[in-house]
């Protein structure tokens, strides 16, 4: 059984993992931009910050004996995330569009934080 605070950590972990994967894919495309000198440093900072946050969350989850085993695409609308806990395995279902929207918000918030500095 996953407690609400653990589920919140897990959800953030999932979002950050997806954000990192998306940025890595987009990074390759950004290298083709004429103005790549503007965008690549921003993406580098974003990736560095997200990776640090990712490893911090992964460590916190590991201390609570929780880890993500894998992803399964159910169909074009939903994905399942298999979670291993100390007691038993849990399957969490996510709506793909909701995840995409939340990852976009996460990235926008990180960019806005960097722009304030």
Protein backbone atom coordinates (compact mmCIF):
# COMPACT_ATOMS: atom_id res chain seq x y z
CA UNK A 1 0.00 0.00 0.00
CA UNK A 2 1.28 3.41 -0.94
CA UNK A 3 0.54 6.26 1.45
CA UNK A 4 -0.70 9.61 0.03
CA UNK A 5 2.63 11.39 0.73
CA UNK A 6 4.52 8.54 -0.97
CA UNK A 7 2.17 8.67 -3.94
CA UNK A 8 2.81 12.40 -4.25
CA UNK A 9 6.59 11.81 -4.28
CA UNK A 10 6.11 9.02 -6.80
CA UNK A 11 3.98 11.21 -9.06
CA UNK A 12 6.60 13.95 -9.04
CA UNK A 13 9.27 11.35 -9.80
CA UNK A 14 7.25 10.08 -12.80
CA UNK A 15 6.76 13.62 -14.12
CA UNK A 16 10.43 14.48 -13.81
CA UNK A 17 11.45 11.23 -15.49
CA UNK A 18 9.16 12.03 -18.43
CA UNK A 19 10.40 15.63 -18.57
CA UNK A 20 14.01 14.45 -18.78
CA UNK A 21 13.19 11.94 -21.53
CA UNK A 22 11.28 14.58 -23.51
CA UNK A 23 14.06 17.15 -23.18
CA UNK A 24 16.67 14.61 -24.28
CA UNK A 25 14.67 13.87 -27.43
CA UNK A 26 14.05 17.56 -28.12
CA UNK A 27 17.72 18.39 -27.43
CA UNK A 28 18.77 16.47 -30.54
CA UNK A 29 16.29 18.43 -32.63
CA UNK A 30 17.36 21.72 -31.05
CA UNK A 31 20.94 21.11 -32.18
CA UNK A 32 19.64 21.68 -35.74
CA UNK A 33 18.26 25.17 -34.93
CA UNK A 34 19.93 28.23 -36.40
CA UNK A 35 19.63 29.86 -32.95
CA UNK A 36 20.84 26.80 -31.05
CA UNK A 37 23.33 28.96 -29.18
CA UNK A 38 20.31 30.50 -27.39
CA UNK A 39 18.32 27.35 -26.68
CA UNK A 40 20.96 24.73 -25.86
CA UNK A 41 22.31 26.43 -22.71
CA UNK A 42 18.75 26.77 -21.38
CA UNK A 43 18.09 23.10 -22.04
CA UNK A 44 21.43 22.16 -20.42
CA UNK A 45 20.49 23.99 -17.23
CA UNK A 46 17.01 22.48 -17.24
CA UNK A 47 18.38 18.96 -17.70
CA UNK A 48 20.97 19.43 -14.97
CA UNK A 49 18.38 20.68 -12.47
CA UNK A 50 15.85 18.00 -13.36
CA UNK A 51 18.43 15.21 -13.11
CA UNK A 52 19.45 16.41 -9.66
CA UNK A 53 15.83 16.51 -8.53
CA UNK A 54 15.24 13.09 -10.13
CA UNK A 55 18.09 11.46 -8.19
CA UNK A 56 17.00 13.14 -4.94
CA UNK A 57 13.47 11.76 -5.37
CA UNK A 58 14.77 8.35 -6.37
CA UNK A 59 16.86 8.24 -3.19
CA UNK A 60 13.88 9.32 -1.04
CA UNK A 61 11.71 6.61 -2.60
CA UNK A 62 14.45 4.00 -2.16
CA UNK A 63 14.67 4.86 1.54
CA UNK A 64 10.96 4.04 1.75
CA UNK A 65 11.56 0.82 -0.26
CA UNK A 66 9.64 2.07 -3.30
CA UNK A 67 10.89 1.84 -6.87
CA UNK A 68 9.46 2.12 -10.37
CA UNK A 69 9.77 -1.18 -12.21
CA UNK A 70 8.47 -0.15 -15.61
CA UNK A 71 5.95 1.42 -17.94
CA UNK A 72 3.30 -0.30 -20.03
CA UNK A 73 1.25 1.43 -22.70
CA UNK A 74 -2.35 0.27 -22.24
CA UNK A 75 -3.57 2.07 -25.34
CA UNK A 76 -3.18 5.49 -26.93
CA UNK A 77 -4.87 7.15 -23.94
CA UNK A 78 -3.50 5.38 -20.85
CA UNK A 79 -0.24 4.01 -19.47
CA UNK A 80 0.40 1.84 -16.43
CA UNK A 81 3.37 2.31 -14.13
CA UNK A 82 4.40 -0.74 -12.11
CA UNK A 83 5.68 0.12 -8.65
CA UNK A 84 7.51 -2.23 -6.28
CA UNK A 85 6.94 -1.61 -2.57
CA UNK A 86 8.11 -3.45 0.53
CA UNK A 87 4.78 -5.26 0.79
CA UNK A 88 3.61 -5.83 -2.76
CA UNK A 89 3.67 -4.48 -6.29
CA UNK A 90 1.20 -1.77 -7.28
CA UNK A 91 0.04 -0.73 -10.74
CA UNK A 92 -0.85 2.94 -11.22
CA UNK A 93 -2.77 4.04 -14.32
CA UNK A 94 -2.11 7.46 -15.83
CA UNK A 95 -3.88 9.33 -18.61
CA UNK A 96 -1.24 10.15 -21.24
CA UNK A 97 -2.66 13.59 -22.07
CA UNK A 98 -2.79 14.55 -18.38
CA UNK A 99 0.85 13.49 -17.96
CA UNK A 100 1.87 15.54 -21.01
CA UNK A 101 0.10 18.62 -19.65
CA UNK A 102 1.64 18.20 -16.19
CA UNK A 103 5.14 17.74 -17.65
CA UNK A 104 4.68 20.93 -19.68
CA UNK A 105 3.64 22.83 -16.53
CA UNK A 106 6.61 21.42 -14.63
CA UNK A 107 9.02 22.59 -17.34
CA UNK A 108 7.38 26.02 -17.56
CA UNK A 109 7.69 26.43 -13.79
CA UNK A 110 11.38 25.47 -13.90
CA UNK A 111 12.02 27.92 -16.74
CA UNK A 112 10.18 30.70 -14.92
CA UNK A 113 12.24 30.07 -11.77
CA UNK A 114 15.46 30.36 -13.80
CA UNK A 115 14.30 33.55 -15.49
CA UNK A 116 13.75 35.25 -12.12
CA UNK A 117 17.40 34.84 -11.18
